[in-house]
Amino acid sequence: MENQSRNIEVSRVDSFLLFIAPFLVIIAAIAVSFWAVLKDGVVSEEE
């Protein structure tokens, strides 16, 4: 019985990694790109 509950926990972790983690990675990448753009200086045209 105890072994079966461990298998259920592992499958929950696998489903988290398969379905939720990619979205977290995409959101983190977007946040890092916005942060990098804000750290960049404003380009001004000099005449």
N, C-alpha and C. Protein backbone atom coordinates (compact mmCIF):
# COMPACT_ATOMS: atom_id res chain seq x y z
N MET A 1 0.83 -1.20 0.00
CA MET A 1 0.00 0.00 0.00
C MET A 1 0.87 1.26 0.00
N GLU A 2 1.94 1.22 0.76
CA GLU A 2 2.81 2.38 0.84
C GLU A 2 3.52 2.65 -0.49
N ASN A 3 3.87 1.56 -1.18
CA ASN A 3 4.52 1.69 -2.48
C ASN A 3 3.60 2.36 -3.48
N GLN A 4 2.33 2.04 -3.44
CA GLN A 4 1.38 2.61 -4.38
C GLN A 4 1.26 4.13 -4.21
N SER A 5 1.25 4.61 -2.96
CA SER A 5 1.13 6.04 -2.73
C SER A 5 2.38 6.77 -3.22
N ARG A 6 3.52 6.13 -3.13
CA ARG A 6 4.74 6.76 -3.67
C ARG A 6 4.67 6.90 -5.18
N ASN A 7 4.12 5.91 -5.84
CA ASN A 7 3.98 5.99 -7.29
C ASN A 7 3.04 7.12 -7.68
N ILE A 8 2.00 7.34 -6.91
CA ILE A 8 1.07 8.43 -7.19
C ILE A 8 1.79 9.77 -7.04
N GLU A 9 2.61 9.91 -6.01
CA GLU A 9 3.35 11.16 -5.81
C GLU A 9 4.30 11.41 -6.97
N VAL A 10 4.98 10.38 -7.44
CA VAL A 10 5.90 10.55 -8.55
C VAL A 10 5.15 10.97 -9.81
N SER A 11 3.99 10.41 -10.04
CA SER A 11 3.24 10.78 -11.23
C SER A 11 2.75 12.22 -11.14
N ARG A 12 2.45 12.70 -9.92
CA ARG A 12 2.07 14.11 -9.78
C ARG A 12 3.24 15.02 -10.14
N VAL A 13 4.44 14.65 -9.72
CA VAL A 13 5.62 15.44 -10.06
C VAL A 13 5.86 15.41 -11.56
N ASP A 14 5.70 14.24 -12.18
CA ASP A 14 5.88 14.14 -13.62
C ASP A 14 4.87 15.00 -14.37
N SER A 15 3.61 14.98 -13.94
CA SER A 15 2.61 15.79 -14.64
C SER A 15 2.90 17.27 -14.44
N PHE A 16 3.41 17.66 -13.27
CA PHE A 16 3.79 19.06 -13.06
C PHE A 16 4.90 19.45 -14.01
N LEU A 17 5.91 18.59 -14.12
CA LEU A 17 7.04 18.92 -14.99
C LEU A 17 6.63 18.97 -16.46
N LEU A 18 5.70 18.10 -16.84
CA LEU A 18 5.33 18.05 -18.25
C LEU A 18 4.40 19.19 -18.66
N PHE A 19 3.49 19.60 -17.78
CA PHE A 19 2.45 20.54 -18.19
C PHE A 19 2.63 21.95 -17.65
N ILE A 20 3.22 22.11 -16.48
CA ILE A 20 3.31 23.44 -15.87
C ILE A 20 4.69 24.05 -16.03
N ALA A 21 5.72 23.25 -15.92
CA ALA A 21 7.08 23.78 -15.98
C ALA A 21 7.39 24.52 -17.29
N PRO A 22 6.98 24.03 -18.47
CA PRO A 22 7.28 24.79 -19.69
C PRO A 22 6.69 26.20 -19.68
N PHE A 23 5.48 26.35 -19.11
CA PHE A 23 4.90 27.69 -19.02
C PHE A 23 5.70 28.56 -18.08
N LEU A 24 6.19 27.98 -16.97
CA LEU A 24 7.01 28.76 -16.05
C LEU A 24 8.31 29.20 -16.71
N VAL A 25 8.88 28.34 -17.53
CA VAL A 25 10.12 28.69 -18.23
C VAL A 25 9.86 29.82 -19.22
N ILE A 26 8.75 29.75 -19.95
CA ILE A 26 8.42 30.81 -20.91
C ILE A 26 8.18 32.13 -20.20
N ILE A 27 7.43 32.10 -19.10
CA ILE A 27 7.17 33.33 -18.34
C ILE A 27 8.47 33.90 -17.79
N ALA A 28 9.35 33.04 -17.29
CA ALA A 28 10.63 33.51 -16.77
C ALA A 28 11.48 34.12 -17.89
N ALA A 29 11.47 33.52 -19.07
CA ALA A 29 12.24 34.05 -20.18
C ALA A 29 11.72 35.42 -20.61
N ILE A 30 10.41 35.58 -20.63
CA ILE A 30 9.83 36.88 -20.99
C ILE A 30 10.20 37.92 -19.93
N ALA A 31 10.13 37.55 -18.66
CA ALA A 31 10.48 38.49 -17.59
C ALA A 31 11.95 38.89 -17.67
N VAL A 32 12.82 37.94 -17.94
CA VAL A 32 14.25 38.26 -18.05
C VAL A 32 14.51 39.15 -19.26
N SER A 33 13.80 38.91 -20.37
CA SER A 33 14.01 39.76 -21.54
C SER A 33 13.55 41.19 -21.29
N PHE A 34 12.41 41.36 -20.59
CA PHE A 34 11.99 42.71 -20.25
C PHE A 34 12.99 43.38 -19.32
N TRP A 35 13.55 42.63 -18.36
CA TRP A 35 14.53 43.18 -17.45
C TRP A 35 15.78 43.61 -18.21
N ALA A 36 16.20 42.78 -19.17
CA ALA A 36 17.41 43.10 -19.95
C ALA A 36 17.17 44.35 -20.80
N VAL A 37 15.98 44.49 -21.37
CA VAL A 37 15.67 45.67 -22.18
C VAL A 37 15.66 46.92 -21.31
N LEU A 38 15.11 46.82 -20.11
CA LEU A 38 15.07 47.98 -19.23
C LEU A 38 16.47 48.37 -18.75
N LYS A 39 17.36 47.40 -18.61
CA LYS A 39 18.74 47.71 -18.20
C LYS A 39 19.51 48.40 -19.33
N ASP A 40 19.07 48.19 -20.55
CA ASP A 40 19.74 48.78 -21.71
C ASP A 40 19.46 50.28 -21.72
N GLY A 41 20.43 51.05 -22.16
CA GLY A 41 20.26 52.51 -22.20
C GLY A 41 19.35 52.92 -23.33
N VAL A 42 18.73 54.09 -23.19
CA VAL A 42 17.87 54.62 -24.22
C VAL A 42 18.73 55.15 -25.37
N VAL A 43 18.37 54.78 -26.57
CA VAL A 43 19.13 55.22 -27.75
C VAL A 43 18.60 56.59 -28.16
N SER A 44 19.49 57.56 -28.18
CA SER A 44 19.08 58.90 -28.60
C SER A 44 19.80 59.26 -29.89
N GLU A 45 19.09 59.95 -30.76
CA GLU A 45 19.69 60.35 -32.04
C GLU A 45 20.48 61.64 -31.83
N GLU A 46 21.74 61.59 -32.19
CA GLU A 46 22.58 62.79 -32.07
C GLU A 46 22.78 63.38 -33.46
N GLU A 47 22.64 64.69 -33.54
CA GLU A 47 22.81 65.35 -34.84
C GLU A 47 24.16 65.98 -34.93
